[in-house]
Amino acid sequence: MKTITSEKLTIVGAAGMIGSNMAQSALLMGLSSNICLYDPYNKGLEGVAEELLQCGFNDVTITYTNNIEEALKGSKYVITSGGAARKEGMTREDLLKGNAEIAIQFGKDLKQYCPDVKHVVVIFNPADITGLLVLLYSGLKPSQVTTLAALDSTRLRNELAKHFNIHPDKVTNCRTYGGHGEQMAVYSSTASIDGKPLNDIIGTPKLTHKDWEEIKGKVVQGGKIIIELRGRSSFQSPAYLSLEMMRAIMGGEKFNWPVGVYVSNNEFSNIMMAMETKLDKTGVHYHIVEGTNDERNALQQSYRHLCNLRDELIESGVIPPIKQWRAINPNL
């Protein structure tokens, strides 16, 4: 099997539904010929590893361990879904404190065991905050840590395709920015339906203002809907999209969706949030899309919501004040 790289790719949380799907998809996509699976739940981890080994993949080395040092040592690429999963009736924010502590420890583990890692993708919720904490405590550069944000944009694409009864490929440039949560900013100004700007259609019989509000509601509640349908949180879509992100970082096919990235400028500062981004071998690079006044206001509201979550952790003593962050990570 031809792979993009022979450098070590570590999948953290590999015994879970996201991690196990990710492991198989990484092999099928040919990302690396050296894949390590990590999870503290050794019995489940061994089961996942045995299944993958029994697939009979050629020209790849699959290892597994419940020792985090062994898992991270020598790793150049890391994807982690290793937090508590969202359950029915929960918001992403309900996972804040417990998963924040997991993210802090994981950041410290990265710093200790694989300081030469090239890129880390964080996908456990609330991803904007857990990604921020991994970046803070790992000592890595902002260009080296990203979070999964594309899932909201792909959900928007899906809902629009269903509404207009057209192939999803004809729904282009769907975008949500800001937080990966119920305070996300859903943009219409970027999107087109079969070549026609979405904003030219909203307010017509083809897509009334009521229809558009209902579509936005389904996008915002996309994770909740999956839980209601399947009895558990999403796992196939986050697994695949995060691997697409890593493929672009490895120098493979371009990633065409927004990415959660560390932002610190005159408008948004000291936060991880979804922006328009480019992923390549040098890492992640972002720019802010202007949008309409309503969209900009929604993005500001999403940013403030993320700041409130961050500040809640500061006030409760989980993390130090922002002014002390550079002492932890000089790259911030």
C-alpha atoms as a PDB file:
ATOM      1  CA  MET A   1       0.000   0.000   0.000  1.00  0.00           C
ATOM      2  CA  LYS A   2       1.364   3.412  -0.974  1.00  0.00           C
ATOM      3  CA  THR A   3       1.207   5.888   1.901  1.00  0.00           C
ATOM      4  CA  ILE A   4       1.812   9.623   2.173  1.00  0.00           C
ATOM      5  CA  THR A   5       4.410   9.218   4.905  1.00  0.00           C
ATOM      6  CA  SER A   6       6.300   6.614   6.889  1.00  0.00           C
ATOM      7  CA  GLU A   7       6.456   8.923   9.912  1.00  0.00           C
ATOM      8  CA  LYS A   8       4.565   7.847  13.006  1.00  0.00           C
ATOM      9  CA  LEU A   9       0.900   8.765  13.321  1.00  0.00           C
ATOM     10  CA  THR A  10      -0.571   8.266  16.783  1.00  0.00           C
ATOM     11  CA  ILE A  11      -4.310   7.997  17.329  1.00  0.00           C
ATOM     12  CA  VAL A  12      -5.303   8.756  20.911  1.00  0.00           C
ATOM     13  CA  GLY A  13      -8.590   7.321  22.158  1.00  0.00           C
ATOM     14  CA  ALA A  14      -8.348   4.437  19.716  1.00  0.00           C
ATOM     15  CA  ALA A  15     -10.614   2.112  21.705  1.00  0.00           C
ATOM     16  CA  GLY A  16     -13.549   4.494  21.310  1.00  0.00           C
ATOM     17  CA  MET A  17     -15.942   4.791  18.398  1.00  0.00           C
ATOM     18  CA  ILE A  18     -14.270   7.859  16.884  1.00  0.00           C
ATOM     19  CA  GLY A  19     -10.765   6.507  17.421  1.00  0.00           C
ATOM     20  CA  SER A  20     -11.445   3.026  16.053  1.00  0.00           C
ATOM     21  CA  ASN A  21     -13.180   4.459  12.977  1.00  0.00           C
ATOM     22  CA  MET A  22     -10.275   6.844  12.584  1.00  0.00           C
ATOM     23  CA  ALA A  23      -7.737   4.046  12.755  1.00  0.00           C
ATOM     24  CA  GLN A  24      -9.357   2.034   9.992  1.00  0.00           C
ATOM     25  CA  SER A  25      -9.971   5.093   7.824  1.00  0.00           C
ATOM     26  CA  ALA A  26      -6.355   6.231   8.227  1.00  0.00           C
ATOM     27  CA  LEU A  27      -5.239   2.861   6.891  1.00  0.00           C
ATOM     28  CA  LEU A  28      -7.712   2.940   4.006  1.00  0.00           C
ATOM     29  CA  MET A  29      -6.669   6.503   3.113  1.00  0.00           C
ATOM     30  CA  GLY A  30      -2.989   5.536   3.140  1.00  0.00           C
ATOM     31  CA  LEU A  31      -1.903   8.300   5.497  1.00  0.00           C
ATOM     32  CA  SER A  32       1.020   6.540   7.139  1.00  0.00           C
ATOM     33  CA  SER A  33       2.741   3.180   7.086  1.00  0.00           C
ATOM     34  CA  ASN A  34       3.444   3.560  10.819  1.00  0.00           C
ATOM     35  CA  ILE A  35       0.293   3.887  12.936  1.00  0.00           C
ATOM     36  CA  CYS A  36       0.206   3.649  16.716  1.00  0.00           C
ATOM     37  CA  LEU A  37      -3.047   3.239  18.642  1.00  0.00           C
ATOM     38  CA  TYR A  38      -3.317   4.483  22.220  1.00  0.00           C
ATOM     39  CA  ASP A  39      -6.048   4.184  24.834  1.00  0.00           C
ATOM     40  CA  PRO A  40      -5.928   3.656  28.611  1.00  0.00           C
ATOM     41  CA  TYR A  41      -8.697   1.037  28.204  1.00  0.00           C
ATOM     42  CA  ASN A  42      -6.378  -1.813  27.284  1.00  0.00           C
ATOM     43  CA  LYS A  43      -8.929  -4.567  26.644  1.00  0.00           C
ATOM     44  CA  GLY A  44     -10.928  -2.493  24.174  1.00  0.00           C
ATOM     45  CA  LEU A  45      -7.712  -1.205  22.594  1.00  0.00           C
ATOM     46  CA  GLU A  46      -6.451  -4.731  22.036  1.00  0.00           C
ATOM     47  CA  GLY A  47      -9.767  -5.616  20.416  1.00  0.00           C
ATOM     48  CA  VAL A  48      -9.501  -2.717  17.967  1.00  0.00           C
ATOM     49  CA  ALA A  49      -5.901  -3.590  17.151  1.00  0.00           C
ATOM     50  CA  GLU A  50      -6.732  -7.259  16.597  1.00  0.00           C
ATOM     51  CA  GLU A  51      -9.573  -6.333  14.230  1.00  0.00           C
ATOM     52  CA  LEU A  52      -7.306  -4.088  12.189  1.00  0.00           C
ATOM     53  CA  LEU A  53      -4.511  -6.655  12.073  1.00  0.00           C
ATOM     54  CA  GLN A  54      -7.034  -9.247  10.943  1.00  0.00           C
ATOM     55  CA  CYS A  55      -7.981  -7.010   8.001  1.00  0.00           C
ATOM     56  CA  GLY A  56      -4.704  -8.079   6.404  1.00  0.00           C
ATOM     57  CA  PHE A  57      -3.369  -4.654   5.425  1.00  0.00           C
ATOM     58  CA  ASN A  58      -0.037  -4.828   3.610  1.00  0.00           C
ATOM     59  CA  ASP A  59       3.039  -2.636   4.033  1.00  0.00           C
ATOM     60  CA  VAL A  60       1.882  -0.970   7.247  1.00  0.00           C
ATOM     61  CA  THR A  61       2.991  -1.351  10.855  1.00  0.00           C
ATOM     62  CA  ILE A  62       0.166  -1.225  13.401  1.00  0.00           C
ATOM     63  CA  THR A  63       1.191  -0.980  17.048  1.00  0.00           C
ATOM     64  CA  TYR A  64      -0.880  -0.372  20.153  1.00  0.00           C
ATOM     65  CA  THR A  65      -0.197   0.534  23.767  1.00  0.00           C
ATOM     66  CA  ASN A  66      -1.894   1.855  26.882  1.00  0.00           C
ATOM     67  CA  ASN A  67       1.345   3.623  27.854  1.00  0.00           C
ATOM     68  CA  ILE A  68       1.185   7.273  26.783  1.00  0.00           C
ATOM     69  CA  GLU A  69       4.980   7.676  26.694  1.00  0.00           C
ATOM     70  CA  GLU A  70       5.348   4.734  24.339  1.00  0.00           C
ATOM     71  CA  ALA A  71       2.459   5.990  22.204  1.00  0.00           C
ATOM     72  CA  LEU A  72       3.824   9.510  21.764  1.00  0.00           C
ATOM     73  CA  LYS A  73       7.555   8.824  21.607  1.00  0.00           C
ATOM     74  CA  GLY A  74       8.795   9.570  18.097  1.00  0.00           C
ATOM     75  CA  SER A  75       5.366  10.508  16.841  1.00  0.00           C
ATOM     76  CA  LYS A  76       5.227  13.260  14.207  1.00  0.00           C
ATOM     77  CA  TYR A  77       1.453  13.436  13.838  1.00  0.00           C
ATOM     78  CA  VAL A  78      -1.134  13.021  16.586  1.00  0.00           C
ATOM     79  CA  ILE A  79      -4.940  13.047  16.525  1.00  0.00           C
ATOM     80  CA  THR A  80      -6.776  12.857  19.825  1.00  0.00           C
ATOM     81  CA  SER A  81     -10.394  12.035  20.498  1.00  0.00           C
ATOM     82  CA  GLY A  82      -9.435  10.997  24.011  1.00  0.00           C
ATOM     83  CA  GLY A  83     -12.023  12.823  26.076  1.00  0.00           C
ATOM     84  CA  ALA A  84     -15.416  11.986  27.533  1.00  0.00           C
ATOM     85  CA  ALA A  85     -18.115  11.645  24.879  1.00  0.00           C
ATOM     86  CA  ARG A  86     -21.231  13.780  24.753  1.00  0.00           C
ATOM     87  CA  LYS A  87     -24.393  11.952  25.812  1.00  0.00           C
ATOM     88  CA  GLU A  88     -28.072  12.572  25.236  1.00  0.00           C
ATOM     89  CA  GLY A  89     -29.288  15.719  26.984  1.00  0.00           C
ATOM     90  CA  MET A  90     -25.768  17.189  27.201  1.00  0.00           C
ATOM     91  CA  THR A  91     -24.296  20.155  25.404  1.00  0.00           C
ATOM     92  CA  ARG A  92     -20.664  20.263  24.365  1.00  0.00           C
ATOM     93  CA  GLU A  93     -20.115  22.800  27.123  1.00  0.00           C
ATOM     94  CA  ASP A  94     -21.313  20.317  29.764  1.00  0.00           C
ATOM     95  CA  LEU A  95     -18.036  18.472  29.177  1.00  0.00           C
ATOM     96  CA  LEU A  96     -15.958  21.552  29.935  1.00  0.00           C
ATOM     97  CA  LYS A  97     -14.182  20.928  33.237  1.00  0.00           C
ATOM     98  CA  GLY A  98     -13.523  17.190  32.980  1.00  0.00           C
ATOM     99  CA  ASN A  99     -12.255  17.347  29.424  1.00  0.00           C
ATOM    100  CA  ALA A 100     -10.274  20.498  30.193  1.00  0.00           C
ATOM    101  CA  GLU A 101      -8.255  18.536  32.721  1.00  0.00           C
ATOM    102  CA  ILE A 102      -7.693  15.771  30.169  1.00  0.00           C
ATOM    103  CA  ALA A 103      -6.541  18.348  27.608  1.00  0.00           C
ATOM    104  CA  ILE A 104      -4.112  19.969  30.048  1.00  0.00           C
ATOM    105  CA  GLN A 105      -2.492  16.635  30.882  1.00  0.00           C
ATOM    106  CA  PHE A 106      -2.341  15.682  27.222  1.00  0.00           C
ATOM    107  CA  GLY A 107      -0.599  18.945  26.393  1.00  0.00           C
ATOM    108  CA  LYS A 108       1.974  18.235  29.094  1.00  0.00           C
ATOM    109  CA  ASP A 109       2.444  14.699  27.731  1.00  0.00           C
ATOM    110  CA  LEU A 110       3.105  16.059  24.246  1.00  0.00           C
ATOM    111  CA  LYS A 111       5.710  18.447  25.610  1.00  0.00           C
ATOM    112  CA  GLN A 112       7.432  15.706  27.577  1.00  0.00           C
ATOM    113  CA  TYR A 113       7.281  12.769  25.194  1.00  0.00           C
ATOM    114  CA  CYS A 114       7.181  14.150  21.640  1.00  0.00           C
ATOM    115  CA  PRO A 115       8.406  17.762  21.529  1.00  0.00           C
ATOM    116  CA  ASP A 116       9.308  17.275  17.852  1.00  0.00           C
ATOM    117  CA  VAL A 117       5.746  16.480  16.791  1.00  0.00           C
ATOM    118  CA  LYS A 118       4.786  18.267  13.577  1.00  0.00           C
ATOM    119  CA  HIS A 119       1.040  18.609  14.084  1.00  0.00           C
ATOM    120  CA  VAL A 120      -1.727  17.763  16.543  1.00  0.00           C
ATOM    121  CA  VAL A 121      -5.465  17.650  15.814  1.00  0.00           C
ATOM    122  CA  VAL A 122      -7.827  17.837  18.808  1.00  0.00           C
ATOM    123  CA  ILE A 123     -11.421  16.692  18.376  1.00  0.00           C
ATOM    124  CA  PHE A 124     -12.914  16.059  21.813  1.00  0.00           C
ATOM    125  CA  ASN A 125     -15.463  18.559  23.106  1.00  0.00           C
ATOM    126  CA  PRO A 126     -15.695  21.390  23.748  1.00  0.00           C
ATOM    127  CA  ALA A 127     -13.052  21.274  21.020  1.00  0.00           C
ATOM    128  CA  ASP A 128     -12.342  25.006  20.887  1.00  0.00           C
ATOM    129  CA  ILE A 129     -11.374  24.989  24.574  1.00  0.00           C
ATOM    130  CA  THR A 130      -9.663  21.596  24.722  1.00  0.00           C
ATOM    131  CA  GLY A 131      -7.598  22.522  21.661  1.00  0.00           C
ATOM    132  CA  LEU A 132      -6.629  25.804  23.277  1.00  0.00           C
ATOM    133  CA  LEU A 133      -5.462  24.016  26.419  1.00  0.00           C
ATOM    134  CA  VAL A 134      -3.495  21.403  24.477  1.00  0.00           C
ATOM    135  CA  LEU A 135      -1.736  24.229  22.643  1.00  0.00           C
ATOM    136  CA  LEU A 136      -1.051  26.142  25.857  1.00  0.00           C
ATOM    137  CA  TYR A 137       0.480  23.248  27.775  1.00  0.00           C
ATOM    138  CA  SER A 138       2.265  21.518  24.882  1.00  0.00           C
ATOM    139  CA  GLY A 139       4.495  24.504  24.182  1.00  0.00           C
ATOM    140  CA  LEU A 140       3.852  24.082  20.452  1.00  0.00           C
ATOM    141  CA  LYS A 141       3.399  26.906  17.965  1.00  0.00           C
ATOM    142  CA  PRO A 142      -0.161  27.992  17.088  1.00  0.00           C
ATOM    143  CA  SER A 143       0.397  26.690  13.551  1.00  0.00           C
ATOM    144  CA  GLN A 144       0.934  23.181  14.947  1.00  0.00           C
ATOM    145  CA  VAL A 145      -2.385  22.596  16.739  1.00  0.00           C
ATOM    146  CA  THR A 146      -5.839  22.563  15.152  1.00  0.00           C
ATOM    147  CA  THR A 147      -9.328  21.496  16.137  1.00  0.00           C
ATOM    148  CA  LEU A 148     -12.151  19.941  14.174  1.00  0.00           C
ATOM    149  CA  ALA A 149     -14.631  22.597  13.052  1.00  0.00           C
ATOM    150  CA  ALA A 150     -15.579  21.409   9.572  1.00  0.00           C
ATOM    151  CA  LEU A 151     -18.413  19.206  10.783  1.00  0.00           C
ATOM    152  CA  ASP A 152     -20.737  22.181  11.205  1.00  0.00           C
ATOM    153  CA  SER A 153     -20.060  23.336   7.644  1.00  0.00           C
ATOM    154  CA  THR A 154     -20.611  19.867   6.184  1.00  0.00           C
ATOM    155  CA  ARG A 155     -23.877  19.683   8.106  1.00  0.00           C
ATOM    156  CA  LEU A 156     -24.936  22.962   6.505  1.00  0.00           C
ATOM    157  CA  ARG A 157     -24.096  21.544   3.079  1.00  0.00           C
ATOM    158  CA  ASN A 158     -26.137  18.444   3.827  1.00  0.00           C
ATOM    159  CA  GLU A 159     -29.204  20.372   5.003  1.00  0.00           C
ATOM    160  CA  LEU A 160     -29.158  22.679   1.976  1.00  0.00           C
ATOM    161  CA  ALA A 161     -28.763  19.751  -0.414  1.00  0.00           C
ATOM    162  CA  LYS A 162     -31.776  18.037   1.153  1.00  0.00           C
ATOM    163  CA  HIS A 163     -33.868  21.212   1.036  1.00  0.00           C
ATOM    164  CA  PHE A 164     -33.191  21.863  -2.648  1.00  0.00           C
ATOM    165  CA  ASN A 165     -33.181  18.152  -3.525  1.00  0.00           C
ATOM    166  CA  ILE A 166     -29.886  18.438  -5.380  1.00  0.00           C
ATOM    167  CA  HIS A 167     -26.572  16.614  -5.231  1.00  0.00           C
ATOM    168  CA  PRO A 168     -24.378  17.919  -2.385  1.00  0.00           C
ATOM    169  CA  ASP A 169     -21.615  18.702  -4.898  1.00  0.00           C
ATOM    170  CA  LYS A 170     -23.829  21.501  -6.244  1.00  0.00           C
ATOM    171  CA  VAL A 171     -23.901  23.144  -2.793  1.00  0.00           C
ATOM    172  CA  THR A 172     -20.580  24.952  -2.510  1.00  0.00           C
ATOM    173  CA  ASN A 173     -18.562  26.950   0.008  1.00  0.00           C
ATOM    174  CA  CYS A 174     -20.815  26.334   3.010  1.00  0.00           C
ATOM    175  CA  ARG A 175     -19.261  27.902   6.062  1.00  0.00           C
ATOM    176  CA  THR A 176     -19.741  28.221   9.798  1.00  0.00           C
ATOM    177  CA  TYR A 177     -17.205  30.117  11.874  1.00  0.00           C
ATOM    178  CA  GLY A 178     -16.489  30.804  15.533  1.00  0.00           C
ATOM    179  CA  GLY A 179     -17.281  28.116  18.055  1.00  0.00           C
ATOM    180  CA  HIS A 180     -18.052  24.453  17.486  1.00  0.00           C
ATOM    181  CA  GLY A 181     -21.196  24.626  19.584  1.00  0.00           C
ATOM    182  CA  GLU A 182     -24.641  26.102  19.738  1.00  0.00           C
ATOM    183  CA  GLN A 183     -23.181  29.626  19.543  1.00  0.00           C
ATOM    184  CA  MET A 184     -21.599  29.058  16.120  1.00  0.00           C
ATOM    185  CA  ALA A 185     -21.960  31.679  13.383  1.00  0.00           C
ATOM    186  CA  VAL A 186     -23.724  30.169  10.354  1.00  0.00           C
ATOM    187  CA  TYR A 187     -22.834  32.117   7.199  1.00  0.00           C
ATOM    188  CA  SER A 188     -25.011  32.373   4.100  1.00  0.00           C
ATOM    189  CA  SER A 189     -22.969  34.952   2.192  1.00  0.00           C
ATOM    190  CA  THR A 190     -20.233  32.474   1.250  1.00  0.00           C
ATOM    191  CA  ALA A 191     -22.460  29.692  -0.116  1.00  0.00           C
ATOM    192  CA  SER A 192     -23.858  28.996  -3.571  1.00  0.00           C
ATOM    193  CA  ILE A 193     -26.608  26.652  -4.751  1.00  0.00           C
ATOM    194  CA  ASP A 194     -25.908  25.248  -8.215  1.00  0.00           C
ATOM    195  CA  GLY A 195     -23.825  28.337  -8.968  1.00  0.00           C
ATOM    196  CA  LYS A 196     -26.268  30.901  -7.582  1.00  0.00           C
ATOM    197  CA  PRO A 197     -25.432  32.844  -4.396  1.00  0.00           C
ATOM    198  CA  LEU A 198     -27.437  31.546  -1.450  1.00  0.00           C
ATOM    199  CA  ASN A 199     -28.213  35.092  -0.322  1.00  0.00           C
ATOM    200  CA  ASP A 200     -30.024  35.694  -3.625  1.00  0.00           C
ATOM    201  CA  ILE A 201     -32.325  32.757  -2.865  1.00  0.00           C
ATOM    202  CA  ILE A 202     -33.089  33.394   0.807  1.00  0.00           C
ATOM    203  CA  GLY A 203     -36.405  35.208   1.074  1.00  0.00           C
ATOM    204  CA  THR A 204     -37.815  33.705  -2.117  1.00  0.00           C
ATOM    205  CA  PRO A 205     -40.380  30.879  -2.366  1.00  0.00           C
ATOM    206  CA  LYS A 206     -37.466  28.471  -2.963  1.00  0.00           C
ATOM    207  CA  LEU A 207     -36.028  29.265   0.458  1.00  0.00           C
ATOM    208  CA  THR A 208     -38.118  31.460   2.711  1.00  0.00           C
ATOM    209  CA  HIS A 209     -36.650  33.226   5.721  1.00  0.00           C
ATOM    210  CA  LYS A 210     -38.466  30.670   7.888  1.00  0.00           C
ATOM    211  CA  ASP A 211     -36.890  27.811   5.903  1.00  0.00           C
ATOM    212  CA  TRP A 212     -33.439  29.316   6.375  1.00  0.00           C
ATOM    213  CA  GLU A 213     -33.911  29.711  10.127  1.00  0.00           C
ATOM    214  CA  GLU A 214     -35.018  26.075  10.344  1.00  0.00           C
ATOM    215  CA  ILE A 215     -31.953  24.947   8.390  1.00  0.00           C
ATOM    216  CA  LYS A 216     -29.644  26.940  10.651  1.00  0.00           C
ATOM    217  CA  GLY A 217     -31.351  25.355  13.660  1.00  0.00           C
ATOM    218  CA  LYS A 218     -30.691  21.861  12.302  1.00  0.00           C
ATOM    219  CA  VAL A 219     -27.034  22.736  11.739  1.00  0.00           C
ATOM    220  CA  VAL A 220     -26.593  24.159  15.226  1.00  0.00           C
ATOM    221  CA  GLN A 221     -28.320  21.097  16.720  1.00  0.00           C
ATOM    222  CA  GLY A 222     -26.622  18.653  14.343  1.00  0.00           C
ATOM    223  CA  GLY A 223     -24.791  16.785  17.074  1.00  0.00           C
ATOM    224  CA  LYS A 224     -27.903  16.530  19.219  1.00  0.00           C
ATOM    225  CA  ILE A 225     -29.866  15.129  16.275  1.00  0.00           C
ATOM    226  CA  ILE A 226     -27.279  12.393  15.711  1.00  0.00           C
ATOM    227  CA  ILE A 227     -27.433  11.434  19.385  1.00  0.00           C
ATOM    228  CA  GLU A 228     -31.220  11.180  19.175  1.00  0.00           C
ATOM    229  CA  LEU A 229     -31.031   9.072  15.997  1.00  0.00           C
ATOM    230  CA  ARG A 230     -28.181   6.759  16.979  1.00  0.00           C
ATOM    231  CA  GLY A 231     -28.146   6.844  20.766  1.00  0.00           C
ATOM    232  CA  ARG A 232     -24.600   8.145  20.843  1.00  0.00           C
ATOM    233  CA  SER A 233     -22.574  11.099  19.613  1.00  0.00           C
ATOM    234  CA  SER A 234     -21.186  11.410  16.093  1.00  0.00           C
ATOM    235  CA  PHE A 235     -18.202   9.237  15.292  1.00  0.00           C
ATOM    236  CA  GLN A 236     -17.941   8.519  11.565  1.00  0.00           C
ATOM    237  CA  SER A 237     -17.981  12.134  10.391  1.00  0.00           C
ATOM    238  CA  PRO A 238     -15.511  13.556  12.948  1.00  0.00           C
ATOM    239  CA  ALA A 239     -13.177  10.613  12.365  1.00  0.00           C
ATOM    240  CA  TYR A 240     -13.063  11.137   8.608  1.00  0.00           C
ATOM    241  CA  LEU A 241     -12.890  14.938   8.603  1.00  0.00           C
ATOM    242  CA  SER A 242     -10.043  15.008  11.128  1.00  0.00           C
ATOM    243  CA  LEU A 243      -8.088  12.591   8.957  1.00  0.00           C
ATOM    244  CA  GLU A 244      -8.692  14.800   5.924  1.00  0.00           C
ATOM    245  CA  MET A 245      -7.177  17.640   7.942  1.00  0.00           C
ATOM    246  CA  MET A 246      -4.128  15.566   8.771  1.00  0.00           C
ATOM    247  CA  ARG A 247      -3.770  14.408   5.166  1.00  0.00           C
ATOM    248  CA  ALA A 248      -3.452  18.044   4.061  1.00  0.00           C
ATOM    249  CA  ILE A 249      -0.878  18.686   6.806  1.00  0.00           C
ATOM    250  CA  MET A 250       1.128  15.709   5.557  1.00  0.00           C
ATOM    251  CA  GLY A 251       1.220  17.274   2.097  1.00  0.00           C
ATOM    252  CA  GLY A 252      -1.699  15.390   0.608  1.00  0.00           C
ATOM    253  CA  GLU A 253      -4.972  16.550  -0.870  1.00  0.00           C
ATOM    254  CA  LYS A 254      -6.181  20.060   0.008  1.00  0.00           C
ATOM    255  CA  PHE A 255      -8.645  20.451   2.900  1.00  0.00           C
ATOM    256  CA  ASN A 256     -11.586  22.578   1.819  1.00  0.00           C
ATOM    257  CA  TRP A 257     -13.359  23.340   5.097  1.00  0.00           C
ATOM    258  CA  PRO A 258     -12.861  25.714   8.049  1.00  0.00           C
ATOM    259  CA  VAL A 259     -10.503  24.634  10.816  1.00  0.00           C
ATOM    260  CA  GLY A 260     -10.322  25.530  14.488  1.00  0.00           C
ATOM    261  CA  VAL A 261      -7.189  27.625  14.936  1.00  0.00           C
ATOM    262  CA  TYR A 262      -5.572  29.805  17.598  1.00  0.00           C
ATOM    263  CA  VAL A 263      -6.513  33.422  16.951  1.00  0.00           C
ATOM    264  CA  SER A 264      -4.975  36.466  18.583  1.00  0.00           C
ATOM    265  CA  ASN A 265      -5.355  39.805  16.835  1.00  0.00           C
ATOM    266  CA  ASN A 266      -7.012  43.171  17.367  1.00  0.00           C
ATOM    267  CA  GLU A 267     -10.508  41.729  17.074  1.00  0.00           C
ATOM    268  CA  PHE A 268     -10.268  38.222  18.537  1.00  0.00           C
ATOM    269  CA  SER A 269      -7.595  37.265  21.028  1.00  0.00           C
ATOM    270  CA  ASN A 270      -6.262  34.277  22.968  1.00  0.00           C
ATOM    271  CA  ILE A 271      -8.883  31.855  21.743  1.00  0.00           C
ATOM    272  CA  MET A 272      -9.274  28.832  19.479  1.00  0.00           C
ATOM    273  CA  MET A 273     -12.098  29.207  16.959  1.00  0.00           C
ATOM    274  CA  ALA A 274     -13.152  28.219  13.442  1.00  0.00           C
ATOM    275  CA  MET A 275     -11.764  30.491  10.749  1.00  0.00           C
ATOM    276  CA  GLU A 276     -11.156  30.295   7.028  1.00  0.00           C
ATOM    277  CA  THR A 277      -7.902  28.378   6.900  1.00  0.00           C
ATOM    278  CA  LYS A 278      -5.229  26.762   4.803  1.00  0.00           C
ATOM    279  CA  LEU A 279      -3.510  23.560   5.882  1.00  0.00           C
ATOM    280  CA  ASP A 280      -0.171  22.493   4.448  1.00  0.00           C
ATOM    281  CA  LYS A 281       3.188  21.115   5.541  1.00  0.00           C
ATOM    282  CA  THR A 282       3.960  24.402   7.322  1.00  0.00           C
ATOM    283  CA  GLY A 283       0.845  24.068   9.492  1.00  0.00           C
ATOM    284  CA  VAL A 284      -2.378  26.037   9.680  1.00  0.00           C
ATOM    285  CA  HIS A 285      -2.847  29.612   8.491  1.00  0.00           C
ATOM    286  CA  TYR A 286      -6.045  31.631   8.793  1.00  0.00           C
ATOM    287  CA  HIS A 287      -7.811  34.739   7.640  1.00  0.00           C
ATOM    288  CA  ILE A 288     -11.124  36.243   8.704  1.00  0.00           C
ATOM    289  CA  VAL A 289     -14.016  36.419   6.257  1.00  0.00           C
ATOM    290  CA  GLU A 290     -15.927  39.690   6.460  1.00  0.00           C
ATOM    291  CA  GLY A 291     -19.514  38.558   5.844  1.00  0.00           C
ATOM    292  CA  THR A 292     -22.659  40.605   6.355  1.00  0.00           C
ATOM    293  CA  ASN A 293     -23.296  42.764   9.408  1.00  0.00           C
ATOM    294  CA  ASP A 294     -25.550  40.065  10.866  1.00  0.00           C
ATOM    295  CA  GLU A 295     -22.890  37.417  10.268  1.00  0.00           C
ATOM    296  CA  ARG A 296     -20.201  39.554  11.856  1.00  0.00           C
ATOM    297  CA  ASN A 297     -22.420  40.119  14.868  1.00  0.00           C
ATOM    298  CA  ALA A 298     -23.033  36.382  15.130  1.00  0.00           C
ATOM    299  CA  LEU A 299     -19.291  35.750  14.969  1.00  0.00           C
ATOM    300  CA  GLN A 300     -18.688  38.288  17.722  1.00  0.00           C
ATOM    301  CA  GLN A 301     -21.327  36.580  19.886  1.00  0.00           C
ATOM    302  CA  SER A 302     -19.710  33.201  19.263  1.00  0.00           C
ATOM    303  CA  TYR A 303     -16.305  34.617  20.195  1.00  0.00           C
ATOM    304  CA  ARG A 304     -17.666  36.083  23.439  1.00  0.00           C
ATOM    305  CA  HIS A 305     -19.227  32.721  24.303  1.00  0.00           C
ATOM    306  CA  LEU A 306     -15.851  31.018  23.868  1.00  0.00           C
ATOM    307  CA  CYS A 307     -14.171  33.705  25.969  1.00  0.00           C
ATOM    308  CA  ASN A 308     -16.716  33.062  28.718  1.00  0.00           C
ATOM    309  CA  LEU A 309     -15.869  29.345  28.711  1.00  0.00           C
ATOM    310  CA  ARG A 310     -12.143  30.136  28.804  1.00  0.00           C
ATOM    311  CA  ASP A 311     -12.615  32.671  31.582  1.00  0.00           C
ATOM    312  CA  GLU A 312     -14.722  30.213  33.584  1.00  0.00           C
ATOM    313  CA  LEU A 313     -11.694  27.918  33.717  1.00  0.00           C
ATOM    314  CA  ILE A 314      -9.474  30.823  34.749  1.00  0.00           C
ATOM    315  CA  GLU A 315     -11.845  31.932  37.506  1.00  0.00           C
ATOM    316  CA  SER A 316     -12.134  28.407  38.865  1.00  0.00           C
ATOM    317  CA  GLY A 317      -8.344  28.025  38.957  1.00  0.00           C
ATOM    318  CA  VAL A 318      -8.135  25.275  36.334  1.00  0.00           C
ATOM    319  CA  ILE A 319      -5.821  27.418  34.197  1.00  0.00           C
ATOM    320  CA  PRO A 320      -3.894  30.609  35.035  1.00  0.00           C
ATOM    321  CA  PRO A 321      -4.756  34.142  33.848  1.00  0.00           C
ATOM    322  CA  ILE A 322      -3.923  34.971  30.222  1.00  0.00           C
ATOM    323  CA  LYS A 323      -1.055  37.263  31.271  1.00  0.00           C
ATOM    324  CA  GLN A 324       0.757  34.177  32.586  1.00  0.00           C
ATOM    325  CA  TRP A 325       0.336  32.076  29.441  1.00  0.00           C
ATOM    326  CA  ARG A 326       3.614  33.081  27.815  1.00  0.00           C
ATOM    327  CA  ALA A 327       5.462  31.687  30.799  1.00  0.00           C
ATOM    328  CA  ILE A 328       3.870  28.320  29.995  1.00  0.00           C
ATOM    329  CA  ASN A 329       4.142  28.575  26.212  1.00  0.00           C
ATOM    330  CA  PRO A 330       6.496  31.285  24.838  1.00  0.00           C
ATOM    331  CA  ASN A 331       4.987  30.758  21.376  1.00  0.00           C
ATOM    332  CA  LEU A 332       1.715  32.413  22.383  1.00  0.00           C
END
